[in-house]
Amino acid sequence: MSALKPLVYGGLASIKVERSTFPIDLTKTRLQIQGPKNDANFKEIRYGGMLHVLVRIGREEGPKALYSGILLGELWLHVR
């Protein structure tokens, strides 16, 4: 078991990190999809910043939406 211990602990640590940073990554992605504020092609600005995205997703879609897609993220983490 001692040879597997680092592997198991590393896997558990990566899951913990993925789950704790996933909402932040989701907000970053939503901001990137929205486009820059000063570009004429992106007229509707839905979010004002990271905190605004987190609050708005929590209110409009529910807190569970902050973790939508996490299973695929965790799967990708262990496949690559």
PDB file of N, CA and C in Angstrom:
ATOM      1  N   MET A   1       0.816  -1.199   0.000  1.00  0.00           N
ATOM      2  CA  MET A   1       0.000   0.000   0.000  1.00  0.00           C
ATOM      3  C   MET A   1       0.857   1.257   0.000  1.00  0.00           C
ATOM      4  N   SER A   2       2.061   1.171   0.544  1.00  0.00           N
ATOM      5  CA  SER A   2       2.888   2.372   0.646  1.00  0.00           C
ATOM      6  C   SER A   2       3.273   2.921  -0.727  1.00  0.00           C
ATOM      7  N   ALA A   3       3.353   2.068  -1.736  1.00  0.00           N
ATOM      8  CA  ALA A   3       3.674   2.545  -3.085  1.00  0.00           C
ATOM      9  C   ALA A   3       2.475   3.249  -3.714  1.00  0.00           C
ATOM     10  N   LEU A   4       1.273   2.875  -3.341  1.00  0.00           N
ATOM     11  CA  LEU A   4       0.068   3.487  -3.888  1.00  0.00           C
ATOM     12  C   LEU A   4      -0.350   4.752  -3.144  1.00  0.00           C
ATOM     13  N   LYS A   5       0.178   4.927  -1.948  1.00  0.00           N
ATOM     14  CA  LYS A   5      -0.213   6.060  -1.116  1.00  0.00           C
ATOM     15  C   LYS A   5      -0.042   7.406  -1.819  1.00  0.00           C
ATOM     16  N   PRO A   6       1.113   7.717  -2.421  1.00  0.00           N
ATOM     17  CA  PRO A   6       1.259   9.010  -3.108  1.00  0.00           C
ATOM     18  C   PRO A   6       0.275   9.169  -4.271  1.00  0.00           C
ATOM     19  N   LEU A   7       0.000   8.079  -4.965  1.00  0.00           N
ATOM     20  CA  LEU A   7      -0.946   8.123  -6.081  1.00  0.00           C
ATOM     21  C   LEU A   7      -2.356   8.451  -5.591  1.00  0.00           C
ATOM     22  N   VAL A   8      -2.780   7.785  -4.534  1.00  0.00           N
ATOM     23  CA  VAL A   8      -4.114   8.016  -3.971  1.00  0.00           C
ATOM     24  C   VAL A   8      -4.216   9.430  -3.413  1.00  0.00           C
ATOM     25  N   TYR A   9      -3.226   9.854  -2.652  1.00  0.00           N
ATOM     26  CA  TYR A   9      -3.256  11.201  -2.082  1.00  0.00           C
ATOM     27  C   TYR A   9      -3.209  12.276  -3.164  1.00  0.00           C
ATOM     28  N   GLY A  10      -2.434  12.035  -4.196  1.00  0.00           N
ATOM     29  CA  GLY A  10      -2.373  12.985  -5.311  1.00  0.00           C
ATOM     30  C   GLY A  10      -3.706  13.090  -6.035  1.00  0.00           C
ATOM     31  N   GLY A  11      -4.365  11.947  -6.237  1.00  0.00           N
ATOM     32  CA  GLY A  11      -5.677  11.952  -6.875  1.00  0.00           C
ATOM     33  C   GLY A  11      -6.715  12.680  -6.042  1.00  0.00           C
ATOM     34  N   LEU A  12      -6.709  12.434  -4.739  1.00  0.00           N
ATOM     35  CA  LEU A  12      -7.660  13.112  -3.853  1.00  0.00           C
ATOM     36  C   LEU A  12      -7.387  14.614  -3.787  1.00  0.00           C
ATOM     37  N   ALA A  13      -6.125  14.988  -3.785  1.00  0.00           N
ATOM     38  CA  ALA A  13      -5.778  16.410  -3.769  1.00  0.00           C
ATOM     39  C   ALA A  13      -6.227  17.104  -5.050  1.00  0.00           C
ATOM     40  N   SER A  14      -6.070  16.434  -6.176  1.00  0.00           N
ATOM     41  CA  SER A  14      -6.482  17.058  -7.441  1.00  0.00           C
ATOM     42  C   SER A  14      -7.994  17.226  -7.511  1.00  0.00           C
ATOM     43  N   ILE A  15      -8.750  16.285  -6.950  1.00  0.00           N
ATOM     44  CA  ILE A  15     -10.208  16.419  -6.908  1.00  0.00           C
ATOM     45  C   ILE A  15     -10.604  17.591  -6.022  1.00  0.00           C
ATOM     46  N   LYS A  16      -9.946  17.726  -4.877  1.00  0.00           N
ATOM     47  CA  LYS A  16     -10.257  18.827  -3.960  1.00  0.00           C
ATOM     48  C   LYS A  16      -9.963  20.176  -4.612  1.00  0.00           C
ATOM     49  N   VAL A  17      -8.844  20.278  -5.280  1.00  0.00           N
ATOM     50  CA  VAL A  17      -8.484  21.529  -5.943  1.00  0.00           C
ATOM     51  C   VAL A  17      -9.464  21.851  -7.066  1.00  0.00           C
ATOM     52  N   GLU A  18      -9.827  20.852  -7.858  1.00  0.00           N
ATOM     53  CA  GLU A  18     -10.777  21.063  -8.954  1.00  0.00           C
ATOM     54  C   GLU A  18     -12.116  21.557  -8.426  1.00  0.00           C
ATOM     55  N   ARG A  19     -12.591  20.967  -7.356  1.00  0.00           N
ATOM     56  CA  ARG A  19     -13.885  21.359  -6.791  1.00  0.00           C
ATOM     57  C   ARG A  19     -13.842  22.737  -6.148  1.00  0.00           C
ATOM     58  N   SER A  20     -12.714  23.125  -5.602  1.00  0.00           N
ATOM     59  CA  SER A  20     -12.646  24.442  -4.951  1.00  0.00           C
ATOM     60  C   SER A  20     -12.418  25.564  -5.949  1.00  0.00           C
ATOM     61  N   THR A  21     -11.793  25.284  -7.081  1.00  0.00           N
ATOM     62  CA  THR A  21     -11.516  26.349  -8.058  1.00  0.00           C
ATOM     63  C   THR A  21     -12.484  26.358  -9.231  1.00  0.00           C
ATOM     64  N   PHE A  22     -13.359  25.375  -9.332  1.00  0.00           N
ATOM     65  CA  PHE A  22     -14.252  25.287 -10.483  1.00  0.00           C
ATOM     66  C   PHE A  22     -15.163  26.500 -10.642  1.00  0.00           C
ATOM     67  N   PRO A  23     -15.798  26.998  -9.561  1.00  0.00           N
ATOM     68  CA  PRO A  23     -16.634  28.194  -9.736  1.00  0.00           C
ATOM     69  C   PRO A  23     -15.861  29.407 -10.250  1.00  0.00           C
ATOM     70  N   ILE A  24     -14.625  29.543  -9.848  1.00  0.00           N
ATOM     71  CA  ILE A  24     -13.795  30.660 -10.323  1.00  0.00           C
ATOM     72  C   ILE A  24     -13.507  30.494 -11.813  1.00  0.00           C
ATOM     73  N   ASP A  25     -13.201  29.287 -12.231  1.00  0.00           N
ATOM     74  CA  ASP A  25     -12.944  29.024 -13.643  1.00  0.00           C
ATOM     75  C   ASP A  25     -14.206  29.237 -14.477  1.00  0.00           C
ATOM     76  N   LEU A  26     -15.348  28.856 -13.925  1.00  0.00           N
ATOM     77  CA  LEU A  26     -16.623  29.067 -14.617  1.00  0.00           C
ATOM     78  C   LEU A  26     -16.896  30.554 -14.821  1.00  0.00           C
ATOM     79  N   THR A  27     -16.646  31.363 -13.789  1.00  0.00           N
ATOM     80  CA  THR A  27     -16.867  32.805 -13.926  1.00  0.00           C
ATOM     81  C   THR A  27     -15.912  33.411 -14.956  1.00  0.00           C
ATOM     82  N   LYS A  28     -14.676  32.952 -14.968  1.00  0.00           N
ATOM     83  CA  LYS A  28     -13.708  33.441 -15.959  1.00  0.00           C
ATOM     84  C   LYS A  28     -14.183  33.127 -17.370  1.00  0.00           C
ATOM     85  N   THR A  29     -14.692  31.911 -17.558  1.00  0.00           N
ATOM     86  CA  THR A  29     -15.177  31.505 -18.873  1.00  0.00           C
ATOM     87  C   THR A  29     -16.369  32.343 -19.302  1.00  0.00           C
ATOM     88  N   ARG A  30     -17.291  32.595 -18.381  1.00  0.00           N
ATOM     89  CA  ARG A  30     -18.463  33.417 -18.719  1.00  0.00           C
ATOM     90  C   ARG A  30     -18.048  34.832 -19.104  1.00  0.00           C
ATOM     91  N   LEU A  31     -17.073  35.378 -18.410  1.00  0.00           N
ATOM     92  CA  LEU A  31     -16.586  36.720 -18.755  1.00  0.00           C
ATOM     93  C   LEU A  31     -15.906  36.722 -20.125  1.00  0.00           C
ATOM     94  N   GLN A  32     -15.155  35.685 -20.439  1.00  0.00           N
ATOM     95  CA  GLN A  32     -14.480  35.605 -21.725  1.00  0.00           C
ATOM     96  C   GLN A  32     -15.470  35.455 -22.869  1.00  0.00           C
ATOM     97  N   ILE A  33     -16.515  34.680 -22.668  1.00  0.00           N
ATOM     98  CA  ILE A  33     -17.524  34.483 -23.711  1.00  0.00           C
ATOM     99  C   ILE A  33     -18.278  35.776 -23.987  1.00  0.00           C
ATOM    100  N   GLN A  34     -18.501  36.549 -22.949  1.00  0.00           N
ATOM    101  CA  GLN A  34     -19.244  37.799 -23.075  1.00  0.00           C
ATOM    102  C   GLN A  34     -18.546  38.790 -24.011  1.00  0.00           C
ATOM    103  N   GLY A  35     -17.250  38.768 -24.041  1.00  0.00           N
ATOM    104  CA  GLY A  35     -16.501  39.678 -24.906  1.00  0.00           C
ATOM    105  C   GLY A  35     -16.092  40.947 -24.183  1.00  0.00           C
ATOM    106  N   PRO A  36     -15.220  41.724 -24.805  1.00  0.00           N
ATOM    107  CA  PRO A  36     -14.728  42.953 -24.178  1.00  0.00           C
ATOM    108  C   PRO A  36     -15.793  44.049 -24.144  1.00  0.00           C
ATOM    109  N   LYS A  37     -15.709  44.903 -23.143  1.00  0.00           N
ATOM    110  CA  LYS A  37     -16.692  45.983 -22.973  1.00  0.00           C
ATOM    111  C   LYS A  37     -16.592  47.035 -24.066  1.00  0.00           C
ATOM    112  N   ASN A  38     -15.415  47.256 -24.594  1.00  0.00           N
ATOM    113  CA  ASN A  38     -15.225  48.349 -25.551  1.00  0.00           C
ATOM    114  C   ASN A  38     -15.329  47.905 -27.006  1.00  0.00           C
ATOM    115  N   ASP A  39     -15.801  46.695 -27.267  1.00  0.00           N
ATOM    116  CA  ASP A  39     -15.949  46.198 -28.634  1.00  0.00           C
ATOM    117  C   ASP A  39     -17.394  46.390 -29.086  1.00  0.00           C
ATOM    118  N   ALA A  40     -17.593  47.002 -30.237  1.00  0.00           N
ATOM    119  CA  ALA A  40     -18.933  47.297 -30.749  1.00  0.00           C
ATOM    120  C   ALA A  40     -19.716  46.029 -31.095  1.00  0.00           C
ATOM    121  N   ASN A  41     -19.030  44.931 -31.374  1.00  0.00           N
ATOM    122  CA  ASN A  41     -19.706  43.675 -31.702  1.00  0.00           C
ATOM    123  C   ASN A  41     -20.395  43.042 -30.496  1.00  0.00           C
ATOM    124  N   PHE A  42     -19.977  43.435 -29.302  1.00  0.00           N
ATOM    125  CA  PHE A  42     -20.541  42.886 -28.071  1.00  0.00           C
ATOM    126  C   PHE A  42     -21.317  43.990 -27.366  1.00  0.00           C
ATOM    127  N   LYS A  43     -22.573  44.163 -27.748  1.00  0.00           N
ATOM    128  CA  LYS A  43     -23.372  45.269 -27.215  1.00  0.00           C
ATOM    129  C   LYS A  43     -23.933  44.957 -25.832  1.00  0.00           C
ATOM    130  N   GLU A  44     -24.325  43.714 -25.606  1.00  0.00           N
ATOM    131  CA  GLU A  44     -24.908  43.366 -24.310  1.00  0.00           C
ATOM    132  C   GLU A  44     -23.822  42.894 -23.354  1.00  0.00           C
ATOM    133  N   ILE A  45     -23.613  43.641 -22.306  1.00  0.00           N
ATOM    134  CA  ILE A  45     -22.662  43.265 -21.268  1.00  0.00           C
ATOM    135  C   ILE A  45     -23.478  42.721 -20.100  1.00  0.00           C
ATOM    136  N   ARG A  46     -23.407  41.419 -19.911  1.00  0.00           N
ATOM    137  CA  ARG A  46     -24.189  40.763 -18.865  1.00  0.00           C
ATOM    138  C   ARG A  46     -23.538  40.877 -17.494  1.00  0.00           C
ATOM    139  N   TYR A  47     -22.228  40.804 -17.468  1.00  0.00           N
ATOM    140  CA  TYR A  47     -21.529  40.749 -16.196  1.00  0.00           C
ATOM    141  C   TYR A  47     -20.532  41.897 -16.081  1.00  0.00           C
ATOM    142  N   GLY A  48     -20.391  42.415 -14.848  1.00  0.00           N
ATOM    143  CA  GLY A  48     -19.473  43.514 -14.611  1.00  0.00           C
ATOM    144  C   GLY A  48     -18.118  43.082 -14.078  1.00  0.00           C
ATOM    145  N   GLY A  49     -18.011  41.880 -13.580  1.00  0.00           N
ATOM    146  CA  GLY A  49     -16.758  41.394 -13.019  1.00  0.00           C
ATOM    147  C   GLY A  49     -16.952  40.025 -12.394  1.00  0.00           C
ATOM    148  N   MET A  50     -15.890  39.497 -11.801  1.00  0.00           N
ATOM    149  CA  MET A  50     -15.918  38.143 -11.241  1.00  0.00           C
ATOM    150  C   MET A  50     -16.983  37.982 -10.156  1.00  0.00           C
ATOM    151  N   LEU A  51     -17.017  38.907  -9.209  1.00  0.00           N
ATOM    152  CA  LEU A  51     -17.983  38.813  -8.127  1.00  0.00           C
ATOM    153  C   LEU A  51     -19.413  38.936  -8.658  1.00  0.00           C
ATOM    154  N   HIS A  52     -19.620  39.817  -9.617  1.00  0.00           N
ATOM    155  CA  HIS A  52     -20.946  39.988 -10.215  1.00  0.00           C
ATOM    156  C   HIS A  52     -21.409  38.698 -10.892  1.00  0.00           C
ATOM    157  N   VAL A  53     -20.504  38.009 -11.565  1.00  0.00           N
ATOM    158  CA  VAL A  53     -20.840  36.737 -12.210  1.00  0.00           C
ATOM    159  C   VAL A  53     -21.256  35.711 -11.162  1.00  0.00           C
ATOM    160  N   LEU A  54     -20.469  35.573 -10.097  1.00  0.00           N
ATOM    161  CA  LEU A  54     -20.782  34.600  -9.045  1.00  0.00           C
ATOM    162  C   LEU A  54     -22.145  34.863  -8.420  1.00  0.00           C
ATOM    163  N   VAL A  55     -22.407  36.128  -8.092  1.00  0.00           N
ATOM    164  CA  VAL A  55     -23.683  36.480  -7.462  1.00  0.00           C
ATOM    165  C   VAL A  55     -24.842  36.252  -8.423  1.00  0.00           C
ATOM    166  N   ARG A  56     -24.669  36.652  -9.665  1.00  0.00           N
ATOM    167  CA  ARG A  56     -25.755  36.531 -10.636  1.00  0.00           C
ATOM    168  C   ARG A  56     -26.087  35.070 -10.960  1.00  0.00           C
ATOM    169  N   ILE A  57     -25.068  34.250 -11.117  1.00  0.00           N
ATOM    170  CA  ILE A  57     -25.313  32.824 -11.354  1.00  0.00           C
ATOM    171  C   ILE A  57     -26.016  32.214 -10.151  1.00  0.00           C
ATOM    172  N   GLY A  58     -25.568  32.557  -8.952  1.00  0.00           N
ATOM    173  CA  GLY A  58     -26.192  32.040  -7.737  1.00  0.00           C
ATOM    174  C   GLY A  58     -27.651  32.428  -7.622  1.00  0.00           C
ATOM    175  N   ARG A  59     -27.986  33.662  -7.972  1.00  0.00           N
ATOM    176  CA  ARG A  59     -29.370  34.129  -7.875  1.00  0.00           C
ATOM    177  C   ARG A  59     -30.254  33.598  -8.999  1.00  0.00           C
ATOM    178  N   GLU A  60     -29.773  33.683 -10.224  1.00  0.00           N
ATOM    179  CA  GLU A  60     -30.609  33.358 -11.382  1.00  0.00           C
ATOM    180  C   GLU A  60     -30.656  31.867 -11.704  1.00  0.00           C
ATOM    181  N   GLU A  61     -29.546  31.172 -11.517  1.00  0.00           N
ATOM    182  CA  GLU A  61     -29.480  29.763 -11.897  1.00  0.00           C
ATOM    183  C   GLU A  61     -29.379  28.828 -10.699  1.00  0.00           C
ATOM    184  N   GLY A  62     -29.135  29.386  -9.543  1.00  0.00           N
ATOM    185  CA  GLY A  62     -28.986  28.589  -8.327  1.00  0.00           C
ATOM    186  C   GLY A  62     -27.533  28.233  -8.069  1.00  0.00           C
ATOM    187  N   PRO A  63     -27.193  27.999  -6.813  1.00  0.00           N
ATOM    188  CA  PRO A  63     -25.803  27.681  -6.453  1.00  0.00           C
ATOM    189  C   PRO A  63     -25.273  26.417  -7.137  1.00  0.00           C
ATOM    190  N   LYS A  64     -26.171  25.487  -7.439  1.00  0.00           N
ATOM    191  CA  LYS A  64     -25.753  24.241  -8.095  1.00  0.00           C
ATOM    192  C   LYS A  64     -25.157  24.509  -9.479  1.00  0.00           C
ATOM    193  N   ALA A  65     -25.591  25.604 -10.119  1.00  0.00           N
ATOM    194  CA  ALA A  65     -25.098  25.945 -11.457  1.00  0.00           C
ATOM    195  C   ALA A  65     -23.617  26.308 -11.444  1.00  0.00           C
ATOM    196  N   LEU A  66     -23.092  26.721 -10.298  1.00  0.00           N
ATOM    197  CA  LEU A  66     -21.664  27.051 -10.202  1.00  0.00           C
ATOM    198  C   LEU A  66     -20.797  25.814 -10.405  1.00  0.00           C
ATOM    199  N   TYR A  67     -21.390  24.644 -10.257  1.00  0.00           N
ATOM    200  CA  TYR A  67     -20.650  23.399 -10.428  1.00  0.00           C
ATOM    201  C   TYR A  67     -21.124  22.595 -11.629  1.00  0.00           C
ATOM    202  N   SER A  68     -21.875  23.222 -12.526  1.00  0.00           N
ATOM    203  CA  SER A  68     -22.333  22.489 -13.713  1.00  0.00           C
ATOM    204  C   SER A  68     -21.139  22.171 -14.605  1.00  0.00           C
ATOM    205  N   GLY A  69     -21.002  20.919 -14.949  1.00  0.00           N
ATOM    206  CA  GLY A  69     -19.896  20.475 -15.783  1.00  0.00           C
ATOM    207  C   GLY A  69     -18.674  20.009 -15.023  1.00  0.00           C
ATOM    208  N   ILE A  70     -18.755  19.949 -13.714  1.00  0.00           N
ATOM    209  CA  ILE A  70     -17.575  19.582 -12.931  1.00  0.00           C
ATOM    210  C   ILE A  70     -17.176  18.121 -13.138  1.00  0.00           C
ATOM    211  N   LEU A  71     -18.145  17.258 -13.372  1.00  0.00           N
ATOM    212  CA  LEU A  71     -17.796  15.844 -13.578  1.00  0.00           C
ATOM    213  C   LEU A  71     -16.930  15.668 -14.821  1.00  0.00           C
ATOM    214  N   LEU A  72     -17.256  16.395 -15.877  1.00  0.00           N
ATOM    215  CA  LEU A  72     -16.415  16.330 -17.073  1.00  0.00           C
ATOM    216  C   LEU A  72     -15.032  16.923 -16.798  1.00  0.00           C
ATOM    217  N   GLY A  73     -14.996  17.978 -16.004  1.00  0.00           N
ATOM    218  CA  GLY A  73     -13.713  18.582 -15.641  1.00  0.00           C
ATOM    219  C   GLY A  73     -12.836  17.628 -14.847  1.00  0.00           C
ATOM    220  N   GLU A  74     -13.448  16.924 -13.905  1.00  0.00           N
ATOM    221  CA  GLU A  74     -12.688  15.953 -13.114  1.00  0.00           C
ATOM    222  C   GLU A  74     -12.257  14.766 -13.964  1.00  0.00           C
ATOM    223  N   LEU A  75     -13.129  14.342 -14.859  1.00  0.00           N
ATOM    224  CA  LEU A  75     -12.764  13.246 -15.752  1.00  0.00           C
ATOM    225  C   LEU A  75     -11.585  13.648 -16.633  1.00  0.00           C
ATOM    226  N   TRP A  76     -11.640  14.843 -17.195  1.00  0.00           N
ATOM    227  CA  TRP A  76     -10.557  15.342 -18.053  1.00  0.00           C
ATOM    228  C   TRP A  76      -9.256  15.455 -17.269  1.00  0.00           C
ATOM    229  N   LEU A  77      -9.370  15.822 -16.001  1.00  0.00           N
ATOM    230  CA  LEU A  77      -8.199  15.971 -15.150  1.00  0.00           C
ATOM    231  C   LEU A  77      -7.458  14.643 -15.010  1.00  0.00           C
ATOM    232  N   HIS A  78      -8.186  13.543 -14.956  1.00  0.00           N
ATOM    233  CA  HIS A  78      -7.554  12.241 -14.740  1.00  0.00           C
ATOM    234  C   HIS A  78      -7.241  11.504 -16.038  1.00  0.00           C
ATOM    235  N   VAL A  79      -7.806  11.942 -17.151  1.00  0.00           N
ATOM    236  CA  VAL A  79      -7.563  11.280 -18.427  1.00  0.00           C
ATOM    237  C   VAL A  79      -6.282  11.798 -19.067  1.00  0.00           C
ATOM    238  N   ARG A  80      -6.031  13.070 -18.973  1.00  0.00           N
ATOM    239  CA  ARG A  80      -4.866  13.625 -19.667  1.00  0.00           C
ATOM    240  C   ARG A  80      -3.573  13.306 -19.033  1.00  0.00           C
TER     241      ARG A  80
END
